[in-house]
């Protein structure tokens, strides 16, 4: 895959923590950040793919059947 460099500004405290996480995972900061961005894009793609199905189900509605309260739960009178 062809890559392109980007410039990213992070608060120093966050960058320090990112470096620690990357070291624990034995990877680079760049690879760690790329993986997290890929996950965001994947989730967004999944959301976009699911939304038409969800909206179709909402429009169709659900058959919940007929539901009656028992006599003990009816209003007095």
PDB file of N, CA and C in Angstrom:
ATOM      1  N   UNK A   1       0.839  -1.171   0.000  1.00  0.00           N
ATOM      2  CA  UNK A   1       0.000   0.000   0.000  1.00  0.00           C
ATOM      3  C   UNK A   1       0.888   1.239   0.000  1.00  0.00           C
ATOM      4  N   UNK A   2       0.532   2.172  -0.851  1.00  0.00           N
ATOM      5  CA  UNK A   2       1.294   3.409  -0.911  1.00  0.00           C
ATOM      6  C   UNK A   2       0.885   4.288   0.262  1.00  0.00           C
ATOM      7  N   UNK A   3       1.843   4.925   0.898  1.00  0.00           N
ATOM      8  CA  UNK A   3       1.564   5.763   2.064  1.00  0.00           C
ATOM      9  C   UNK A   3       1.898   7.216   1.772  1.00  0.00           C
ATOM     10  N   UNK A   4       1.357   8.080   2.598  1.00  0.00           N
ATOM     11  CA  UNK A   4       1.645   9.500   2.506  1.00  0.00           C
ATOM     12  C   UNK A   4       1.848  10.019   3.915  1.00  0.00           C
ATOM     13  N   UNK A   5       2.846  10.838   4.091  1.00  0.00           N
ATOM     14  CA  UNK A   5       3.124  11.417   5.401  1.00  0.00           C
ATOM     15  C   UNK A   5       2.122  12.509   5.728  1.00  0.00           C
ATOM     16  N   UNK A   6       1.790  12.610   7.005  1.00  0.00           N
ATOM     17  CA  UNK A   6       0.934  13.690   7.499  1.00  0.00           C
ATOM     18  C   UNK A   6       1.591  14.276   8.744  1.00  0.00           C
ATOM     19  N   UNK A   7       1.266  15.515   9.015  1.00  0.00           N
ATOM     20  CA  UNK A   7       1.767  16.159  10.227  1.00  0.00           C
ATOM     21  C   UNK A   7       0.641  16.164  11.248  1.00  0.00           C
ATOM     22  N   UNK A   8       0.963  15.762  12.452  1.00  0.00           N
ATOM     23  CA  UNK A   8      -0.026  15.662  13.514  1.00  0.00           C
ATOM     24  C   UNK A   8       0.515  16.347  14.753  1.00  0.00           C
ATOM     25  N   UNK A   9      -0.292  17.189  15.329  1.00  0.00           N
ATOM     26  CA  UNK A   9       0.103  17.861  16.573  1.00  0.00           C
ATOM     27  C   UNK A   9      -0.675  17.246  17.725  1.00  0.00           C
ATOM     28  N   UNK A  10       0.052  16.811  18.735  1.00  0.00           N
ATOM     29  CA  UNK A  10      -0.555  16.213  19.922  1.00  0.00           C
ATOM     30  C   UNK A  10      -0.023  16.916  21.161  1.00  0.00           C
ATOM     31  N   UNK A  11      -0.831  16.979  22.193  1.00  0.00           N
ATOM     32  CA  UNK A  11      -0.294  17.484  23.462  1.00  0.00           C
ATOM     33  C   UNK A  11       0.877  16.599  23.908  1.00  0.00           C
ATOM     34  N   UNK A  12       1.874  17.206  24.517  1.00  0.00           N
ATOM     35  CA  UNK A  12       3.077  16.458  24.924  1.00  0.00           C
ATOM     36  C   UNK A  12       2.755  15.273  25.828  1.00  0.00           C
ATOM     37  N   UNK A  13       1.857  15.469  26.764  1.00  0.00           N
ATOM     38  CA  UNK A  13       1.511  14.388  27.697  1.00  0.00           C
ATOM     39  C   UNK A  13       0.902  13.206  26.943  1.00  0.00           C
ATOM     40  N   UNK A  14       0.050  13.503  25.968  1.00  0.00           N
ATOM     41  CA  UNK A  14      -0.564  12.435  25.177  1.00  0.00           C
ATOM     42  C   UNK A  14       0.478  11.724  24.336  1.00  0.00           C
ATOM     43  N   UNK A  15       1.357  12.482  23.703  1.00  0.00           N
ATOM     44  CA  UNK A  15       2.407  11.868  22.885  1.00  0.00           C
ATOM     45  C   UNK A  15       3.278  10.940  23.728  1.00  0.00           C
ATOM     46  N   UNK A  16       3.594  11.354  24.938  1.00  0.00           N
ATOM     47  CA  UNK A  16       4.399  10.512  25.830  1.00  0.00           C
ATOM     48  C   UNK A  16       3.690   9.185  26.088  1.00  0.00           C
ATOM     49  N   UNK A  17       2.393   9.253  26.354  1.00  0.00           N
ATOM     50  CA  UNK A  17       1.620   8.025  26.604  1.00  0.00           C
ATOM     51  C   UNK A  17       1.525   7.169  25.347  1.00  0.00           C
ATOM     52  N   UNK A  18       1.356   7.798  24.195  1.00  0.00           N
ATOM     53  CA  UNK A  18       1.290   7.052  22.931  1.00  0.00           C
ATOM     54  C   UNK A  18       2.598   6.313  22.691  1.00  0.00           C
ATOM     55  N   UNK A  19       3.700   6.965  22.972  1.00  0.00           N
ATOM     56  CA  UNK A  19       5.009   6.310  22.800  1.00  0.00           C
ATOM     57  C   UNK A  19       5.151   5.104  23.718  1.00  0.00           C
ATOM     58  N   UNK A  20       4.656   5.226  24.929  1.00  0.00           N
ATOM     59  CA  UNK A  20       4.723   4.113  25.884  1.00  0.00           C
ATOM     60  C   UNK A  20       3.878   2.941  25.381  1.00  0.00           C
ATOM     61  N   UNK A  21       2.658   3.251  24.917  1.00  0.00           N
ATOM     62  CA  UNK A  21       1.786   2.191  24.391  1.00  0.00           C
ATOM     63  C   UNK A  21       2.435   1.521  23.186  1.00  0.00           C
ATOM     64  N   UNK A  22       2.994   2.307  22.291  1.00  0.00           N
ATOM     65  CA  UNK A  22       3.655   1.741  21.115  1.00  0.00           C
ATOM     66  C   UNK A  22       4.820   0.839  21.521  1.00  0.00           C
ATOM     67  N   UNK A  23       5.601   1.267  22.491  1.00  0.00           N
ATOM     68  CA  UNK A  23       6.732   0.451  22.952  1.00  0.00           C
ATOM     69  C   UNK A  23       6.236  -0.853  23.562  1.00  0.00           C
ATOM     70  N   UNK A  24       5.181  -0.793  24.352  1.00  0.00           N
ATOM     71  CA  UNK A  24       4.627  -2.014  24.962  1.00  0.00           C
ATOM     72  C   UNK A  24       4.164  -2.997  23.894  1.00  0.00           C
ATOM     73  N   UNK A  25       3.650  -2.465  22.804  1.00  0.00           N
ATOM     74  CA  UNK A  25       3.149  -3.315  21.719  1.00  0.00           C
ATOM     75  C   UNK A  25       4.226  -3.640  20.688  1.00  0.00           C
ATOM     76  N   UNK A  26       5.435  -3.172  20.960  1.00  0.00           N
ATOM     77  CA  UNK A  26       6.572  -3.397  20.069  1.00  0.00           C
ATOM     78  C   UNK A  26       6.276  -2.954  18.640  1.00  0.00           C
ATOM     79  N   UNK A  27       5.756  -1.743  18.533  1.00  0.00           N
ATOM     80  CA  UNK A  27       5.462  -1.167  17.230  1.00  0.00           C
ATOM     81  C   UNK A  27       5.861   0.299  17.249  1.00  0.00           C
ATOM     82  N   UNK A  28       5.726   0.940  16.123  1.00  0.00           N
ATOM     83  CA  UNK A  28       6.070   2.365  16.049  1.00  0.00           C
ATOM     84  C   UNK A  28       4.845   3.212  16.371  1.00  0.00           C
ATOM     85  N   UNK A  29       5.088   4.467  16.723  1.00  0.00           N
ATOM     86  CA  UNK A  29       3.994   5.410  16.943  1.00  0.00           C
ATOM     87  C   UNK A  29       3.182   5.535  15.662  1.00  0.00           C
ATOM     88  N   UNK A  30       3.862   5.614  14.540  1.00  0.00           N
ATOM     89  CA  UNK A  30       3.179   5.744  13.255  1.00  0.00           C
ATOM     90  C   UNK A  30       2.249   4.559  13.001  1.00  0.00           C
ATOM     91  N   UNK A  31       2.743   3.346  13.222  1.00  0.00           N
ATOM     92  CA  UNK A  31       1.925   2.150  13.004  1.00  0.00           C
ATOM     93  C   UNK A  31       0.749   2.104  13.978  1.00  0.00           C
ATOM     94  N   UNK A  32       0.990   2.502  15.219  1.00  0.00           N
ATOM     95  CA  UNK A  32      -0.071   2.514  16.227  1.00  0.00           C
ATOM     96  C   UNK A  32      -1.171   3.495  15.826  1.00  0.00           C
ATOM     97  N   UNK A  33      -0.786   4.697  15.432  1.00  0.00           N
ATOM     98  CA  UNK A  33      -1.774   5.695  15.023  1.00  0.00           C
ATOM     99  C   UNK A  33      -2.482   5.291  13.740  1.00  0.00           C
ATOM    100  N   UNK A  34      -1.770   4.688  12.809  1.00  0.00           N
ATOM    101  CA  UNK A  34      -2.392   4.222  11.569  1.00  0.00           C
ATOM    102  C   UNK A  34      -3.447   3.156  11.872  1.00  0.00           C
ATOM    103  N   UNK A  35      -3.125   2.249  12.775  1.00  0.00           N
ATOM    104  CA  UNK A  35      -4.078   1.197  13.130  1.00  0.00           C
ATOM    105  C   UNK A  35      -5.329   1.780  13.780  1.00  0.00           C
ATOM    106  N   UNK A  36      -5.157   2.787  14.617  1.00  0.00           N
ATOM    107  CA  UNK A  36      -6.327   3.381  15.270  1.00  0.00           C
ATOM    108  C   UNK A  36      -7.185   4.136  14.259  1.00  0.00           C
ATOM    109  N   UNK A  37      -6.566   4.779  13.275  1.00  0.00           N
ATOM    110  CA  UNK A  37      -7.333   5.481  12.236  1.00  0.00           C
ATOM    111  C   UNK A  37      -8.058   4.479  11.356  1.00  0.00           C
ATOM    112  N   UNK A  38      -7.406   3.350  11.056  1.00  0.00           N
ATOM    113  CA  UNK A  38      -8.056   2.305  10.265  1.00  0.00           C
ATOM    114  C   UNK A  38      -9.287   1.773  10.984  1.00  0.00           C
ATOM    115  N   UNK A  39      -9.195   1.617  12.290  1.00  0.00           N
ATOM    116  CA  UNK A  39     -10.329   1.138  13.080  1.00  0.00           C
ATOM    117  C   UNK A  39     -11.478   2.141  13.026  1.00  0.00           C
ATOM    118  N   UNK A  40     -11.188   3.416  13.115  1.00  0.00           N
ATOM    119  CA  UNK A  40     -12.229   4.445  13.028  1.00  0.00           C
ATOM    120  C   UNK A  40     -12.922   4.382  11.665  1.00  0.00           C
ATOM    121  N   UNK A  41     -12.142   4.256  10.611  1.00  0.00           N
ATOM    122  CA  UNK A  41     -12.708   4.190   9.261  1.00  0.00           C
ATOM    123  C   UNK A  41     -13.537   2.923   9.098  1.00  0.00           C
ATOM    124  N   UNK A  42     -13.061   1.797   9.616  1.00  0.00           N
ATOM    125  CA  UNK A  42     -13.811   0.541   9.522  1.00  0.00           C
ATOM    126  C   UNK A  42     -15.146   0.652  10.233  1.00  0.00           C
ATOM    127  N   UNK A  43     -15.147   1.221  11.433  1.00  0.00           N
ATOM    128  CA  UNK A  43     -16.394   1.388  12.180  1.00  0.00           C
ATOM    129  C   UNK A  43     -17.362   2.295  11.437  1.00  0.00           C
ATOM    130  N   UNK A  44     -16.833   3.355  10.843  1.00  0.00           N
ATOM    131  CA  UNK A  44     -17.688   4.261  10.080  1.00  0.00           C
ATOM    132  C   UNK A  44     -18.273   3.545   8.862  1.00  0.00           C
ATOM    133  N   UNK A  45     -17.469   2.753   8.179  1.00  0.00           N
ATOM    134  CA  UNK A  45     -17.962   1.977   7.037  1.00  0.00           C
ATOM    135  C   UNK A  45     -19.054   1.006   7.476  1.00  0.00           C
ATOM    136  N   UNK A  46     -18.841   0.316   8.597  1.00  0.00           N
ATOM    137  CA  UNK A  46     -19.839  -0.620   9.126  1.00  0.00           C
ATOM    138  C   UNK A  46     -21.139   0.104   9.469  1.00  0.00           C
ATOM    139  N   UNK A  47     -21.016   1.281  10.067  1.00  0.00           N
ATOM    140  CA  UNK A  47     -22.184   2.084  10.426  1.00  0.00           C
ATOM    141  C   UNK A  47     -22.959   2.477   9.171  1.00  0.00           C
ATOM    142  N   UNK A  48     -22.241   2.975   8.168  1.00  0.00           N
ATOM    143  CA  UNK A  48     -22.885   3.397   6.929  1.00  0.00           C
ATOM    144  C   UNK A  48     -23.568   2.226   6.228  1.00  0.00           C
ATOM    145  N   UNK A  49     -22.967   1.043   6.289  1.00  0.00           N
ATOM    146  CA  UNK A  49     -23.561  -0.136   5.662  1.00  0.00           C
ATOM    147  C   UNK A  49     -24.798  -0.610   6.422  1.00  0.00           C
ATOM    148  N   UNK A  50     -24.795  -0.490   7.740  1.00  0.00           N
ATOM    149  CA  UNK A  50     -25.900  -0.971   8.561  1.00  0.00           C
ATOM    150  C   UNK A  50     -27.090  -0.016   8.564  1.00  0.00           C
ATOM    151  N   UNK A  51     -26.850   1.257   8.409  1.00  0.00           N
ATOM    152  CA  UNK A  51     -27.921   2.246   8.549  1.00  0.00           C
ATOM    153  C   UNK A  51     -29.110   1.998   7.614  1.00  0.00           C
ATOM    154  N   UNK A  52     -28.932   1.714   6.331  1.00  0.00           N
ATOM    155  CA  UNK A  52     -30.106   1.449   5.479  1.00  0.00           C
ATOM    156  C   UNK A  52     -30.926   0.249   5.967  1.00  0.00           C
ATOM    157  N   UNK A  53     -30.264  -0.787   6.462  1.00  0.00           N
ATOM    158  CA  UNK A  53     -30.987  -1.958   6.977  1.00  0.00           C
ATOM    159  C   UNK A  53     -31.798  -1.588   8.212  1.00  0.00           C
ATOM    160  N   UNK A  54     -31.197  -0.808   9.100  1.00  0.00           N
ATOM    161  CA  UNK A  54     -31.886  -0.396  10.325  1.00  0.00           C
ATOM    162  C   UNK A  54     -33.085   0.473   9.988  1.00  0.00           C
ATOM    163  N   UNK A  55     -32.904   1.426   9.107  1.00  0.00           N
ATOM    164  CA  UNK A  55     -34.012   2.304   8.725  1.00  0.00           C
ATOM    165  C   UNK A  55     -35.133   1.525   8.050  1.00  0.00           C
ATOM    166  N   UNK A  56     -34.787   0.531   7.235  1.00  0.00           N
ATOM    167  CA  UNK A  56     -35.808  -0.304   6.595  1.00  0.00           C
ATOM    168  C   UNK A  56     -36.603  -1.082   7.647  1.00  0.00           C
ATOM    169  N   UNK A  57     -35.925  -1.599   8.658  1.00  0.00           N
ATOM    170  CA  UNK A  57     -36.630  -2.324   9.725  1.00  0.00           C
ATOM    171  C   UNK A  57     -37.549  -1.399  10.509  1.00  0.00           C
ATOM    172  N   UNK A  58     -37.084  -0.180  10.754  1.00  0.00           N
ATOM    173  CA  UNK A  58     -37.909   0.780  11.488  1.00  0.00           C
ATOM    174  C   UNK A  58     -39.153   1.128  10.674  1.00  0.00           C
ATOM    175  N   UNK A  59     -38.981   1.364   9.384  1.00  0.00           N
ATOM    176  CA  UNK A  59     -40.121   1.704   8.527  1.00  0.00           C
ATOM    177  C   UNK A  59     -41.115   0.558   8.459  1.00  0.00           C
ATOM    178  N   UNK A  60     -40.604  -0.664   8.395  1.00  0.00           N
ATOM    179  CA  UNK A  60     -41.471  -1.839   8.314  1.00  0.00           C
ATOM    180  C   UNK A  60     -42.188  -2.064   9.636  1.00  0.00           C
ATOM    181  N   UNK A  61     -41.514  -1.805  10.727  1.00  0.00           N
ATOM    182  CA  UNK A  61     -42.097  -2.014  12.046  1.00  0.00           C
ATOM    183  C   UNK A  61     -41.959  -3.460  12.488  1.00  0.00           C
ATOM    184  N   UNK A  62     -42.368  -3.694  13.702  1.00  0.00           N
ATOM    185  CA  UNK A  62     -42.294  -5.028  14.280  1.00  0.00           C
ATOM    186  C   UNK A  62     -43.682  -5.465  14.699  1.00  0.00           C
ATOM    187  N   UNK A  63     -44.021  -6.696  14.435  1.00  0.00           N
ATOM    188  CA  UNK A  63     -45.287  -7.246  14.885  1.00  0.00           C
ATOM    189  C   UNK A  63     -45.084  -7.759  16.299  1.00  0.00           C
ATOM    190  N   UNK A  64     -45.615  -7.038  17.237  1.00  0.00           N
ATOM    191  CA  UNK A  64     -45.468  -7.430  18.641  1.00  0.00           C
ATOM    192  C   UNK A  64     -46.658  -8.257  19.118  1.00  0.00           C
ATOM    193  N   UNK A  65     -47.577  -8.523  18.209  1.00  0.00           N
ATOM    194  CA  UNK A  65     -48.733  -9.331  18.576  1.00  0.00           C
ATOM    195  C   UNK A  65     -49.743  -8.500  19.365  1.00  0.00           C
ATOM    196  N   UNK A  66     -50.842  -9.154  19.707  1.00  0.00           N
ATOM    197  CA  UNK A  66     -51.859  -8.490  20.515  1.00  0.00           C
ATOM    198  C   UNK A  66     -51.528  -8.712  21.967  1.00  0.00           C
ATOM    199  N   UNK A  67     -51.694  -7.694  22.743  1.00  0.00           N
ATOM    200  CA  UNK A  67     -51.278  -7.745  24.135  1.00  0.00           C
ATOM    201  C   UNK A  67     -52.423  -7.248  24.988  1.00  0.00           C
ATOM    202  N   UNK A  68     -52.816  -8.028  25.971  1.00  0.00           N
ATOM    203  CA  UNK A  68     -53.906  -7.653  26.871  1.00  0.00           C
ATOM    204  C   UNK A  68     -53.438  -7.692  28.301  1.00  0.00           C
ATOM    205  N   UNK A  69     -53.900  -6.736  29.065  1.00  0.00           N
ATOM    206  CA  UNK A  69     -53.612  -6.770  30.507  1.00  0.00           C
ATOM    207  C   UNK A  69     -54.534  -7.776  31.178  1.00  0.00           C
ATOM    208  N   UNK A  70     -54.040  -8.370  32.210  1.00  0.00           N
ATOM    209  CA  UNK A  70     -54.922  -9.251  32.978  1.00  0.00           C
ATOM    210  C   UNK A  70     -55.883  -8.388  33.770  1.00  0.00           C
ATOM    211  N   UNK A  71     -56.966  -8.968  34.256  1.00  0.00           N
ATOM    212  CA  UNK A  71     -57.975  -8.206  35.004  1.00  0.00           C
ATOM    213  C   UNK A  71     -57.383  -7.526  36.225  1.00  0.00           C
ATOM    214  N   UNK A  72     -56.401  -8.141  36.831  1.00  0.00           N
ATOM    215  CA  UNK A  72     -55.832  -7.564  38.046  1.00  0.00           C
ATOM    216  C   UNK A  72     -55.046  -6.285  37.768  1.00  0.00           C
ATOM    217  N   UNK A  73     -54.709  -6.038  36.498  1.00  0.00           N
ATOM    218  CA  UNK A  73     -53.952  -4.850  36.163  1.00  0.00           C
ATOM    219  C   UNK A  73     -54.794  -3.773  35.500  1.00  0.00           C
ATOM    220  N   UNK A  74     -56.090  -4.014  35.346  1.00  0.00           N
ATOM    221  CA  UNK A  74     -56.961  -3.018  34.732  1.00  0.00           C
ATOM    222  C   UNK A  74     -57.279  -1.921  35.722  1.00  0.00           C
ATOM    223  N   UNK A  75     -57.584  -0.763  35.165  1.00  0.00           N
ATOM    224  CA  UNK A  75     -57.951   0.375  36.011  1.00  0.00           C
ATOM    225  C   UNK A  75     -59.255   0.062  36.742  1.00  0.00           C
ATOM    226  N   UNK A  76     -59.361   0.501  38.002  1.00  0.00           N
ATOM    227  CA  UNK A  76     -60.598   0.243  38.749  1.00  0.00           C
ATOM    228  C   UNK A  76     -61.764   0.967  38.103  1.00  0.00           C
ATOM    229  N   UNK A  77     -62.935   0.383  38.242  1.00  0.00           N
ATOM    230  CA  UNK A  77     -64.111   1.083  37.738  1.00  0.00           C
ATOM    231  C   UNK A  77     -65.011   0.249  36.990  1.00  0.00           C
TER     232      UNK A  77
END
